[in-house]
Amino acid sequence: GAIVNTIQQLSNNTGADPSTLQSVLSLVGGQVRSSLQQQRAVN
């Protein structure tokens, strides 16, 4: 619930509509995944 609320606040604060923010979140999530996969592979 805190995660969802923070995303809603971010949408309100930036003026980004929820579907745009979902696209941003998908892109960020994909990059976080790549970085964590690399960390896991190396360390």
PDB file of all heavy atoms in Angstrom:
ATOM      1  N   GLY A   1       0.818  -1.214   0.000  1.00  0.00           N
ATOM      2  CA  GLY A   1       0.000   0.000   0.000  1.00  0.00           C
ATOM      3  C   GLY A   1       0.850   1.261   0.000  1.00  0.00           C
ATOM      4  O   GLY A   1       0.532   2.231  -0.700  1.00  0.00           O
ATOM      5  N   ALA A   2       1.946   1.258   0.756  1.00  0.00           N
ATOM      6  CA  ALA A   2       2.841   2.424   0.791  1.00  0.00           C
ATOM      7  C   ALA A   2       3.493   2.645  -0.570  1.00  0.00           C
ATOM      8  O   ALA A   2       3.653   3.790  -1.017  1.00  0.00           O
ATOM      9  CB  ALA A   2       3.907   2.237   1.868  1.00  0.00           C
ATOM     10  N   ILE A   3       3.847   1.566  -1.259  1.00  0.00           N
ATOM     11  CA  ILE A   3       4.433   1.674  -2.597  1.00  0.00           C
ATOM     12  C   ILE A   3       3.419   2.284  -3.563  1.00  0.00           C
ATOM     13  O   ILE A   3       3.733   3.229  -4.295  1.00  0.00           O
ATOM     14  CB  ILE A   3       4.913   0.293  -3.097  1.00  0.00           C
ATOM     15  CG1 ILE A   3       6.098  -0.195  -2.254  1.00  0.00           C
ATOM     16  CG2 ILE A   3       5.282   0.344  -4.581  1.00  0.00           C
ATOM     17  CD1 ILE A   3       6.460  -1.657  -2.486  1.00  0.00           C
ATOM     18  N   VAL A   4       2.205   1.758  -3.544  1.00  0.00           N
ATOM     19  CA  VAL A   4       1.145   2.252  -4.435  1.00  0.00           C
ATOM     20  C   VAL A   4       0.843   3.719  -4.135  1.00  0.00           C
ATOM     21  O   VAL A   4       0.715   4.542  -5.055  1.00  0.00           O
ATOM     22  CB  VAL A   4      -0.121   1.374  -4.315  1.00  0.00           C
ATOM     23  CG1 VAL A   4      -1.309   1.994  -5.037  1.00  0.00           C
ATOM     24  CG2 VAL A   4       0.162  -0.028  -4.859  1.00  0.00           C
ATOM     25  N   ASN A   5       0.753   4.073  -2.852  1.00  0.00           N
ATOM     26  CA  ASN A   5       0.485   5.469  -2.476  1.00  0.00           C
ATOM     27  C   ASN A   5       1.591   6.402  -2.938  1.00  0.00           C
ATOM     28  O   ASN A   5       1.329   7.516  -3.399  1.00  0.00           O
ATOM     29  CB  ASN A   5       0.300   5.596  -0.957  1.00  0.00           C
ATOM     30  CG  ASN A   5      -1.010   5.013  -0.488  1.00  0.00           C
ATOM     31  OD1 ASN A   5      -1.952   4.855  -1.257  1.00  0.00           O
ATOM     32  ND2 ASN A   5      -1.061   4.665   0.777  1.00  0.00           N
ATOM     33  N   THR A   6       2.840   5.966  -2.821  1.00  0.00           N
ATOM     34  CA  THR A   6       3.966   6.798  -3.262  1.00  0.00           C
ATOM     35  C   THR A   6       3.907   7.023  -4.771  1.00  0.00           C
ATOM     36  O   THR A   6       4.166   8.133  -5.248  1.00  0.00           O
ATOM     37  CB  THR A   6       5.310   6.160  -2.847  1.00  0.00           C
ATOM     38  OG1 THR A   6       5.303   5.982  -1.418  1.00  0.00           O
ATOM     39  CG2 THR A   6       6.480   7.034  -3.244  1.00  0.00           C
ATOM     40  N   ILE A   7       3.541   5.996  -5.512  1.00  0.00           N
ATOM     41  CA  ILE A   7       3.408   6.146  -6.971  1.00  0.00           C
ATOM     42  C   ILE A   7       2.282   7.122  -7.302  1.00  0.00           C
ATOM     43  O   ILE A   7       2.428   7.975  -8.185  1.00  0.00           O
ATOM     44  CB  ILE A   7       3.186   4.774  -7.640  1.00  0.00           C
ATOM     45  CG1 ILE A   7       4.467   3.944  -7.533  1.00  0.00           C
ATOM     46  CG2 ILE A   7       2.772   4.932  -9.104  1.00  0.00           C
ATOM     47  CD1 ILE A   7       4.308   2.500  -7.944  1.00  0.00           C
ATOM     48  N   GLN A   8       1.170   7.033  -6.581  1.00  0.00           N
ATOM     49  CA  GLN A   8       0.067   7.974  -6.816  1.00  0.00           C
ATOM     50  C   GLN A   8       0.485   9.400  -6.484  1.00  0.00           C
ATOM     51  O   GLN A   8       0.152  10.337  -7.209  1.00  0.00           O
ATOM     52  CB  GLN A   8      -1.161   7.557  -6.006  1.00  0.00           C
ATOM     53  CG  GLN A   8      -1.812   6.304  -6.528  1.00  0.00           C
ATOM     54  CD  GLN A   8      -2.907   5.767  -5.611  1.00  0.00           C
ATOM     55  OE1 GLN A   8      -2.972   6.094  -4.428  1.00  0.00           O
ATOM     56  NE2 GLN A   8      -3.759   4.912  -6.160  1.00  0.00           N
ATOM     57  N   GLN A   9       1.225   9.586  -5.398  1.00  0.00           N
ATOM     58  CA  GLN A   9       1.726  10.917  -5.039  1.00  0.00           C
ATOM     59  C   GLN A   9       2.676  11.444  -6.106  1.00  0.00           C
ATOM     60  O   GLN A   9       2.623  12.621  -6.464  1.00  0.00           O
ATOM     61  CB  GLN A   9       2.442  10.883  -3.684  1.00  0.00           C
ATOM     62  CG  GLN A   9       1.529  10.725  -2.510  1.00  0.00           C
ATOM     63  CD  GLN A   9       2.308  10.550  -1.205  1.00  0.00           C
ATOM     64  OE1 GLN A   9       3.521  10.396  -1.197  1.00  0.00           O
ATOM     65  NE2 GLN A   9       1.580  10.551  -0.089  1.00  0.00           N
ATOM     66  N   LEU A  10       3.530  10.574  -6.621  1.00  0.00           N
ATOM     67  CA  LEU A  10       4.461  10.973  -7.672  1.00  0.00           C
ATOM     68  C   LEU A  10       3.697  11.409  -8.916  1.00  0.00           C
ATOM     69  O   LEU A  10       4.039  12.419  -9.536  1.00  0.00           O
ATOM     70  CB  LEU A  10       5.420   9.828  -8.003  1.00  0.00           C
ATOM     71  CG  LEU A  10       6.512  10.125  -9.016  1.00  0.00           C
ATOM     72  CD1 LEU A  10       7.444  11.229  -8.515  1.00  0.00           C
ATOM     73  CD2 LEU A  10       7.305   8.861  -9.317  1.00  0.00           C
ATOM     74  N   SER A  11       2.657  10.699  -9.244  1.00  0.00           N
ATOM     75  CA  SER A  11       1.818  11.066 -10.389  1.00  0.00           C
ATOM     76  C   SER A  11       1.197  12.441 -10.167  1.00  0.00           C
ATOM     77  O   SER A  11       1.218  13.297 -11.061  1.00  0.00           O
ATOM     78  CB  SER A  11       0.719  10.014 -10.594  1.00  0.00           C
ATOM     79  OG  SER A  11      -0.126  10.377 -11.649  1.00  0.00           O
ATOM     80  N   ASN A  12       0.678  12.669  -8.974  1.00  0.00           N
ATOM     81  CA  ASN A  12       0.074  13.967  -8.657  1.00  0.00           C
ATOM     82  C   ASN A  12       1.107  15.096  -8.665  1.00  0.00           C
ATOM     83  O   ASN A  12       0.846  16.180  -9.175  1.00  0.00           O
ATOM     84  CB  ASN A  12      -0.616  13.921  -7.285  1.00  0.00           C
ATOM     85  CG  ASN A  12      -1.822  13.018  -7.270  1.00  0.00           C
ATOM     86  OD1 ASN A  12      -2.400  12.703  -8.305  1.00  0.00           O
ATOM     87  ND2 ASN A  12      -2.200  12.566  -6.092  1.00  0.00           N
ATOM     88  N   ASN A  13       2.280  14.830  -8.086  1.00  0.00           N
ATOM     89  CA  ASN A  13       3.316  15.858  -7.971  1.00  0.00           C
ATOM     90  C   ASN A  13       3.934  16.236  -9.310  1.00  0.00           C
ATOM     91  O   ASN A  13       4.345  17.381  -9.493  1.00  0.00           O
ATOM     92  CB  ASN A  13       4.419  15.415  -7.004  1.00  0.00           C
ATOM     93  CG  ASN A  13       3.934  15.321  -5.572  1.00  0.00           C
ATOM     94  OD1 ASN A  13       2.881  15.843  -5.221  1.00  0.00           O
ATOM     95  ND2 ASN A  13       4.697  14.634  -4.751  1.00  0.00           N
ATOM     96  N   THR A  14       4.037  15.281 -10.204  1.00  0.00           N
ATOM     97  CA  THR A  14       4.686  15.553 -11.493  1.00  0.00           C
ATOM     98  C   THR A  14       3.687  15.897 -12.589  1.00  0.00           C
ATOM     99  O   THR A  14       4.091  16.378 -13.648  1.00  0.00           O
ATOM    100  CB  THR A  14       5.517  14.343 -11.962  1.00  0.00           C
ATOM    101  OG1 THR A  14       4.642  13.220 -12.140  1.00  0.00           O
ATOM    102  CG2 THR A  14       6.634  14.023 -10.980  1.00  0.00           C
ATOM    103  N   GLY A  15       2.414  15.634 -12.350  1.00  0.00           N
ATOM    104  CA  GLY A  15       1.414  15.869 -13.377  1.00  0.00           C
ATOM    105  C   GLY A  15       1.394  14.792 -14.448  1.00  0.00           C
ATOM    106  O   GLY A  15       0.699  14.916 -15.448  1.00  0.00           O
ATOM    107  N   ALA A  16       2.168  13.735 -14.248  1.00  0.00           N
ATOM    108  CA  ALA A  16       2.185  12.627 -15.205  1.00  0.00           C
ATOM    109  C   ALA A  16       0.949  11.768 -14.971  1.00  0.00           C
ATOM    110  O   ALA A  16       0.645  11.411 -13.842  1.00  0.00           O
ATOM    111  CB  ALA A  16       3.446  11.793 -15.029  1.00  0.00           C
ATOM    112  N   ASP A  17       0.240  11.456 -16.053  1.00  0.00           N
ATOM    113  CA  ASP A  17      -0.938  10.615 -15.873  1.00  0.00           C
ATOM    114  C   ASP A  17      -0.493   9.192 -15.530  1.00  0.00           C
ATOM    115  O   ASP A  17       0.639   8.798 -15.805  1.00  0.00           O
ATOM    116  CB  ASP A  17      -1.841  10.658 -17.109  1.00  0.00           C
ATOM    117  CG  ASP A  17      -1.183  10.069 -18.337  1.00  0.00           C
ATOM    118  OD1 ASP A  17      -1.095   8.828 -18.421  1.00  0.00           O
ATOM    119  OD2 ASP A  17      -0.762  10.856 -19.212  1.00  0.00           O
ATOM    120  N   PRO A  18      -1.375   8.413 -14.897  1.00  0.00           N
ATOM    121  CA  PRO A  18      -0.995   7.077 -14.431  1.00  0.00           C
ATOM    122  C   PRO A  18      -0.461   6.156 -15.530  1.00  0.00           C
ATOM    123  O   PRO A  18       0.463   5.383 -15.285  1.00  0.00           O
ATOM    124  CB  PRO A  18      -2.295   6.526 -13.833  1.00  0.00           C
ATOM    125  CG  PRO A  18      -3.031   7.747 -13.394  1.00  0.00           C
ATOM    126  CD  PRO A  18      -2.713   8.796 -14.421  1.00  0.00           C
ATOM    127  N   SER A  19      -0.996   6.230 -16.735  1.00  0.00           N
ATOM    128  CA  SER A  19      -0.495   5.348 -17.800  1.00  0.00           C
ATOM    129  C   SER A  19       0.919   5.734 -18.211  1.00  0.00           C
ATOM    130  O   SER A  19       1.743   4.872 -18.509  1.00  0.00           O
ATOM    131  CB  SER A  19      -1.439   5.348 -19.006  1.00  0.00           C
ATOM    132  OG  SER A  19      -1.478   6.624 -19.603  1.00  0.00           O
ATOM    133  N   THR A  20       1.222   7.028 -18.212  1.00  0.00           N
ATOM    134  CA  THR A  20       2.589   7.469 -18.512  1.00  0.00           C
ATOM    135  C   THR A  20       3.535   7.010 -17.415  1.00  0.00           C
ATOM    136  O   THR A  20       4.626   6.499 -17.692  1.00  0.00           O
ATOM    137  CB  THR A  20       2.644   9.005 -18.657  1.00  0.00           C
ATOM    138  OG1 THR A  20       1.794   9.395 -19.728  1.00  0.00           O
ATOM    139  CG2 THR A  20       4.058   9.486 -18.915  1.00  0.00           C
ATOM    140  N   LEU A  21       3.104   7.160 -16.180  1.00  0.00           N
ATOM    141  CA  LEU A  21       3.941   6.738 -15.063  1.00  0.00           C
ATOM    142  C   LEU A  21       4.149   5.223 -15.095  1.00  0.00           C
ATOM    143  O   LEU A  21       5.232   4.735 -14.762  1.00  0.00           O
ATOM    144  CB  LEU A  21       3.318   7.174 -13.736  1.00  0.00           C
ATOM    145  CG  LEU A  21       4.268   7.246 -12.559  1.00  0.00           C
ATOM    146  CD1 LEU A  21       5.523   8.068 -12.860  1.00  0.00           C
ATOM    147  CD2 LEU A  21       3.565   7.822 -11.357  1.00  0.00           C
ATOM    148  N   GLN A  22       3.150   4.482 -15.534  1.00  0.00           N
ATOM    149  CA  GLN A  22       3.313   3.031 -15.657  1.00  0.00           C
ATOM    150  C   GLN A  22       4.376   2.705 -16.705  1.00  0.00           C
ATOM    151  O   GLN A  22       5.189   1.809 -16.507  1.00  0.00           O
ATOM    152  CB  GLN A  22       1.983   2.365 -16.007  1.00  0.00           C
ATOM    153  CG  GLN A  22       2.097   0.856 -16.021  1.00  0.00           C
ATOM    154  CD  GLN A  22       0.763   0.161 -16.178  1.00  0.00           C
ATOM    155  OE1 GLN A  22      -0.288   0.779 -16.169  1.00  0.00           O
ATOM    156  NE2 GLN A  22       0.802  -1.145 -16.332  1.00  0.00           N
ATOM    157  N   SER A  23       4.394   3.445 -17.798  1.00  0.00           N
ATOM    158  CA  SER A  23       5.437   3.239 -18.817  1.00  0.00           C
ATOM    159  C   SER A  23       6.818   3.543 -18.245  1.00  0.00           C
ATOM    160  O   SER A  23       7.779   2.809 -18.492  1.00  0.00           O
ATOM    161  CB  SER A  23       5.181   4.132 -20.033  1.00  0.00           C
ATOM    162  OG  SER A  23       3.980   3.784 -20.670  1.00  0.00           O
ATOM    163  N   VAL A  24       6.911   4.629 -17.487  1.00  0.00           N
ATOM    164  CA  VAL A  24       8.184   4.994 -16.860  1.00  0.00           C
ATOM    165  C   VAL A  24       8.618   3.877 -15.917  1.00  0.00           C
ATOM    166  O   VAL A  24       9.776   3.445 -15.919  1.00  0.00           O
ATOM    167  CB  VAL A  24       8.074   6.343 -16.108  1.00  0.00           C
ATOM    168  CG1 VAL A  24       9.341   6.628 -15.300  1.00  0.00           C
ATOM    169  CG2 VAL A  24       7.774   7.478 -17.071  1.00  0.00           C
ATOM    170  N   LEU A  25       7.691   3.400 -15.118  1.00  0.00           N
ATOM    171  CA  LEU A  25       7.989   2.348 -14.152  1.00  0.00           C
ATOM    172  C   LEU A  25       8.446   1.068 -14.851  1.00  0.00           C
ATOM    173  O   LEU A  25       9.375   0.392 -14.380  1.00  0.00           O
ATOM    174  CB  LEU A  25       6.749   2.083 -13.296  1.00  0.00           C
ATOM    175  CG  LEU A  25       6.915   1.278 -12.033  1.00  0.00           C
ATOM    176  CD1 LEU A  25       7.987   1.853 -11.136  1.00  0.00           C
ATOM    177  CD2 LEU A  25       5.597   1.219 -11.283  1.00  0.00           C
ATOM    178  N   SER A  26       7.842   0.737 -15.980  1.00  0.00           N
ATOM    179  CA  SER A  26       8.264  -0.448 -16.735  1.00  0.00           C
ATOM    180  C   SER A  26       9.699  -0.308 -17.213  1.00  0.00           C
ATOM    181  O   SER A  26      10.495  -1.245 -17.111  1.00  0.00           O
ATOM    182  CB  SER A  26       7.348  -0.680 -17.943  1.00  0.00           C
ATOM    183  OG  SER A  26       6.089  -1.083 -17.529  1.00  0.00           O
ATOM    184  N   LEU A  27      10.034   0.865 -17.734  1.00  0.00           N
ATOM    185  CA  LEU A  27      11.397   1.092 -18.215  1.00  0.00           C
ATOM    186  C   LEU A  27      12.403   1.067 -17.075  1.00  0.00           C
ATOM    187  O   LEU A  27      13.467   0.452 -17.180  1.00  0.00           O
ATOM    188  CB  LEU A  27      11.475   2.411 -18.981  1.00  0.00           C
ATOM    189  CG  LEU A  27      10.725   2.437 -20.310  1.00  0.00           C
ATOM    190  CD1 LEU A  27      10.590   3.864 -20.831  1.00  0.00           C
ATOM    191  CD2 LEU A  27      11.425   1.557 -21.328  1.00  0.00           C
ATOM    192  N   VAL A  28      12.069   1.732 -15.976  1.00  0.00           N
ATOM    193  CA  VAL A  28      12.966   1.745 -14.819  1.00  0.00           C
ATOM    194  C   VAL A  28      13.114   0.325 -14.272  1.00  0.00           C
ATOM    195  O   VAL A  28      14.229  -0.128 -13.976  1.00  0.00           O
ATOM    196  CB  VAL A  28      12.453   2.712 -13.729  1.00  0.00           C
ATOM    197  CG1 VAL A  28      13.232   2.553 -12.428  1.00  0.00           C
ATOM    198  CG2 VAL A  28      12.538   4.151 -14.218  1.00  0.00           C
ATOM    199  N   GLY A  29      12.008  -0.391 -14.153  1.00  0.00           N
ATOM    200  CA  GLY A  29      12.061  -1.767 -13.658  1.00  0.00           C
ATOM    201  C   GLY A  29      12.940  -2.660 -14.516  1.00  0.00           C
ATOM    202  O   GLY A  29      13.708  -3.476 -13.999  1.00  0.00           O
ATOM    203  N   GLY A  30      12.856  -2.495 -15.827  1.00  0.00           N
ATOM    204  CA  GLY A  30      13.702  -3.280 -16.727  1.00  0.00           C
ATOM    205  C   GLY A  30      15.175  -3.001 -16.524  1.00  0.00           C
ATOM    206  O   GLY A  30      16.011  -3.918 -16.540  1.00  0.00           O
ATOM    207  N   GLN A  31      15.505  -1.733 -16.287  1.00  0.00           N
ATOM    208  CA  GLN A  31      16.903  -1.379 -16.054  1.00  0.00           C
ATOM    209  C   GLN A  31      17.387  -1.846 -14.684  1.00  0.00           C
ATOM    210  O   GLN A  31      18.533  -2.271 -14.537  1.00  0.00           O
ATOM    211  CB  GLN A  31      17.113   0.129 -16.218  1.00  0.00           C
ATOM    212  CG  GLN A  31      16.965   0.598 -17.647  1.00  0.00           C
ATOM    213  CD  GLN A  31      17.928  -0.109 -18.589  1.00  0.00           C
ATOM    214  OE1 GLN A  31      19.107  -0.204 -18.316  1.00  0.00           O
ATOM    215  NE2 GLN A  31      17.405  -0.616 -19.682  1.00  0.00           N
ATOM    216  N   VAL A  32      16.513  -1.774 -13.679  1.00  0.00           N
ATOM    217  CA  VAL A  32      16.866  -2.294 -12.355  1.00  0.00           C
ATOM    218  C   VAL A  32      17.130  -3.796 -12.473  1.00  0.00           C
ATOM    219  O   VAL A  32      18.109  -4.315 -11.924  1.00  0.00           O
ATOM    220  CB  VAL A  32      15.763  -1.994 -11.315  1.00  0.00           C
ATOM    221  CG1 VAL A  32      15.984  -2.778 -10.018  1.00  0.00           C
ATOM    222  CG2 VAL A  32      15.694  -0.502 -11.030  1.00  0.00           C
ATOM    223  N   ARG A  33      16.276  -4.488 -13.206  1.00  0.00           N
ATOM    224  CA  ARG A  33      16.456  -5.935 -13.395  1.00  0.00           C
ATOM    225  C   ARG A  33      17.813  -6.225 -14.034  1.00  0.00           C
ATOM    226  O   ARG A  33      18.564  -7.066 -13.570  1.00  0.00           O
ATOM    227  CB  ARG A  33      15.332  -6.529 -14.230  1.00  0.00           C
ATOM    228  CG  ARG A  33      15.514  -8.043 -14.407  1.00  0.00           C
ATOM    229  CD  ARG A  33      14.403  -8.709 -15.179  1.00  0.00           C
ATOM    230  NE  ARG A  33      14.303  -8.093 -16.478  1.00  0.00           N
ATOM    231  CZ  ARG A  33      13.164  -7.863 -17.107  1.00  0.00           C
ATOM    232  NH1 ARG A  33      12.027  -8.195 -16.559  1.00  0.00           N
ATOM    233  NH2 ARG A  33      13.157  -7.313 -18.290  1.00  0.00           N
ATOM    234  N   SER A  34      18.140  -5.513 -15.104  1.00  0.00           N
ATOM    235  CA  SER A  34      19.431  -5.737 -15.779  1.00  0.00           C
ATOM    236  C   SER A  34      20.598  -5.508 -14.832  1.00  0.00           C
ATOM    237  O   SER A  34      21.554  -6.289 -14.801  1.00  0.00           O
ATOM    238  CB  SER A  34      19.568  -4.810 -16.989  1.00  0.00           C
ATOM    239  OG  SER A  34      18.634  -5.152 -17.968  1.00  0.00           O
ATOM    240  N   SER A  35      20.524  -4.440 -14.056  1.00  0.00           N
ATOM    241  CA  SER A  35      21.602  -4.127 -13.126  1.00  0.00           C
ATOM    242  C   SER A  35      21.726  -5.193 -12.040  1.00  0.00           C
ATOM    243  O   SER A  35      22.839  -5.635 -11.706  1.00  0.00           O
ATOM    244  CB  SER A  35      21.376  -2.751 -12.502  1.00  0.00           C
ATOM    245  OG  SER A  35      22.420  -2.442 -11.621  1.00  0.00           O
ATOM    246  N   LEU A  36      20.595  -5.620 -11.480  1.00  0.00           N
ATOM    247  CA  LEU A  36      20.643  -6.651 -10.442  1.00  0.00           C
ATOM    248  C   LEU A  36      21.087  -7.997 -11.006  1.00  0.00           C
ATOM    249  O   LEU A  36      21.778  -8.757 -10.321  1.00  0.00           O
ATOM    250  CB  LEU A  36      19.283  -6.780  -9.747  1.00  0.00           C
ATOM    251  CG  LEU A  36      18.904  -5.635  -8.809  1.00  0.00           C
ATOM    252  CD1 LEU A  36      17.483  -5.821  -8.293  1.00  0.00           C
ATOM    253  CD2 LEU A  36      19.890  -5.511  -7.654  1.00  0.00           C
ATOM    254  N   GLN A  37      20.705  -8.297 -12.242  1.00  0.00           N
ATOM    255  CA  GLN A  37      21.176  -9.529 -12.876  1.00  0.00           C
ATOM    256  C   GLN A  37      22.694  -9.505 -13.019  1.00  0.00           C
ATOM    257  O   GLN A  37      23.366 -10.498 -12.769  1.00  0.00           O
ATOM    258  CB  GLN A  37      20.529  -9.715 -14.255  1.00  0.00           C
ATOM    259  CG  GLN A  37      19.099 -10.159 -14.189  1.00  0.00           C
ATOM    260  CD  GLN A  37      18.421 -10.131 -15.550  1.00  0.00           C
ATOM    261  OE1 GLN A  37      18.735  -9.327 -16.417  1.00  0.00           O
ATOM    262  NE2 GLN A  37      17.447 -11.020 -15.731  1.00  0.00           N
ATOM    263  N   GLN A  38      23.216  -8.355 -13.409  1.00  0.00           N
ATOM    264  CA  GLN A  38      24.668  -8.214 -13.544  1.00  0.00           C
ATOM    265  C   GLN A  38      25.345  -8.347 -12.178  1.00  0.00           C
ATOM    266  O   GLN A  38      26.361  -9.036 -12.048  1.00  0.00           O
ATOM    267  CB  GLN A  38      25.022  -6.885 -14.193  1.00  0.00           C
ATOM    268  CG  GLN A  38      26.505  -6.715 -14.407  1.00  0.00           C
ATOM    269  CD  GLN A  38      26.831  -5.404 -15.093  1.00  0.00           C
ATOM    270  OE1 GLN A  38      25.986  -4.556 -15.309  1.00  0.00           O
ATOM    271  NE2 GLN A  38      28.095  -5.241 -15.434  1.00  0.00           N
ATOM    272  N   GLN A  39      24.792  -7.694 -11.163  1.00  0.00           N
ATOM    273  CA  GLN A  39      25.348  -7.805  -9.811  1.00  0.00           C
ATOM    274  C   GLN A  39      25.360  -9.266  -9.359  1.00  0.00           C
ATOM    275  O   GLN A  39      26.344  -9.736  -8.786  1.00  0.00           O
ATOM    276  CB  GLN A  39      24.530  -6.968  -8.819  1.00  0.00           C
ATOM    277  CG  GLN A  39      24.719  -5.494  -8.945  1.00  0.00           C
ATOM    278  CD  GLN A  39      26.078  -5.043  -8.431  1.00  0.00           C
ATOM    279  OE1 GLN A  39      26.717  -5.690  -7.618  1.00  0.00           O
ATOM    280  NE2 GLN A  39      26.527  -3.910  -8.933  1.00  0.00           N
ATOM    281  N   ARG A  40      24.268  -9.957  -9.623  1.00  0.00           N
ATOM    282  CA  ARG A  40      24.161 -11.364  -9.215  1.00  0.00           C
ATOM    283  C   ARG A  40      25.178 -12.217  -9.971  1.00  0.00           C
ATOM    284  O   ARG A  40      25.827 -13.084  -9.385  1.00  0.00           O
ATOM    285  CB  ARG A  40      22.744 -11.876  -9.455  1.00  0.00           C
ATOM    286  CG  ARG A  40      22.543 -13.317  -8.997  1.00  0.00           C
ATOM    287  CD  ARG A  40      21.141 -13.773  -9.182  1.00  0.00           C
ATOM    288  NE  ARG A  40      20.820 -13.834 -10.605  1.00  0.00           N
ATOM    289  CZ  ARG A  40      19.695 -14.293 -11.090  1.00  0.00           C
ATOM    290  NH1 ARG A  40      18.745 -14.703 -10.278  1.00  0.00           N
ATOM    291  NH2 ARG A  40      19.477 -14.318 -12.382  1.00  0.00           N
ATOM    292  N   ALA A  41      25.337 -11.969 -11.265  1.00  0.00           N
ATOM    293  CA  ALA A  41      26.270 -12.755 -12.078  1.00  0.00           C
ATOM    294  C   ALA A  41      27.710 -12.542 -11.637  1.00  0.00           C
ATOM    295  O   ALA A  41      28.510 -13.479 -11.593  1.00  0.00           O
ATOM    296  CB  ALA A  41      26.106 -12.402 -13.558  1.00  0.00           C
ATOM    297  N   VAL A  42      28.069 -11.312 -11.286  1.00  0.00           N
ATOM    298  CA  VAL A  42      29.450 -10.979 -10.931  1.00  0.00           C
ATOM    299  C   VAL A  42      29.740 -11.273  -9.459  1.00  0.00           C
ATOM    300  O   VAL A  42      30.785 -11.831  -9.119  1.00  0.00           O
ATOM    301  CB  VAL A  42      29.749  -9.489 -11.256  1.00  0.00           C
ATOM    302  CG1 VAL A  42      31.105  -9.071 -10.728  1.00  0.00           C
ATOM    303  CG2 VAL A  42      29.646  -9.252 -12.753  1.00  0.00           C
ATOM    304  N   ASN A  43      28.812 -10.899  -8.583  1.00  0.00           N
ATOM    305  CA  ASN A  43      29.076 -10.948  -7.140  1.00  0.00           C
ATOM    306  C   ASN A  43      28.220 -11.938  -6.359  1.00  0.00           C
ATOM    307  O   ASN A  43      28.339 -12.019  -5.142  1.00  0.00           O
ATOM    308  CB  ASN A  43      28.890  -9.553  -6.542  1.00  0.00           C
ATOM    309  CG  ASN A  43      29.810  -8.535  -7.179  1.00  0.00           C
ATOM    310  OD1 ASN A  43      31.002  -8.773  -7.281  1.00  0.00           O
ATOM    311  ND2 ASN A  43      29.258  -7.422  -7.617  1.00  0.00           N
TER     312      ASN A  43
END
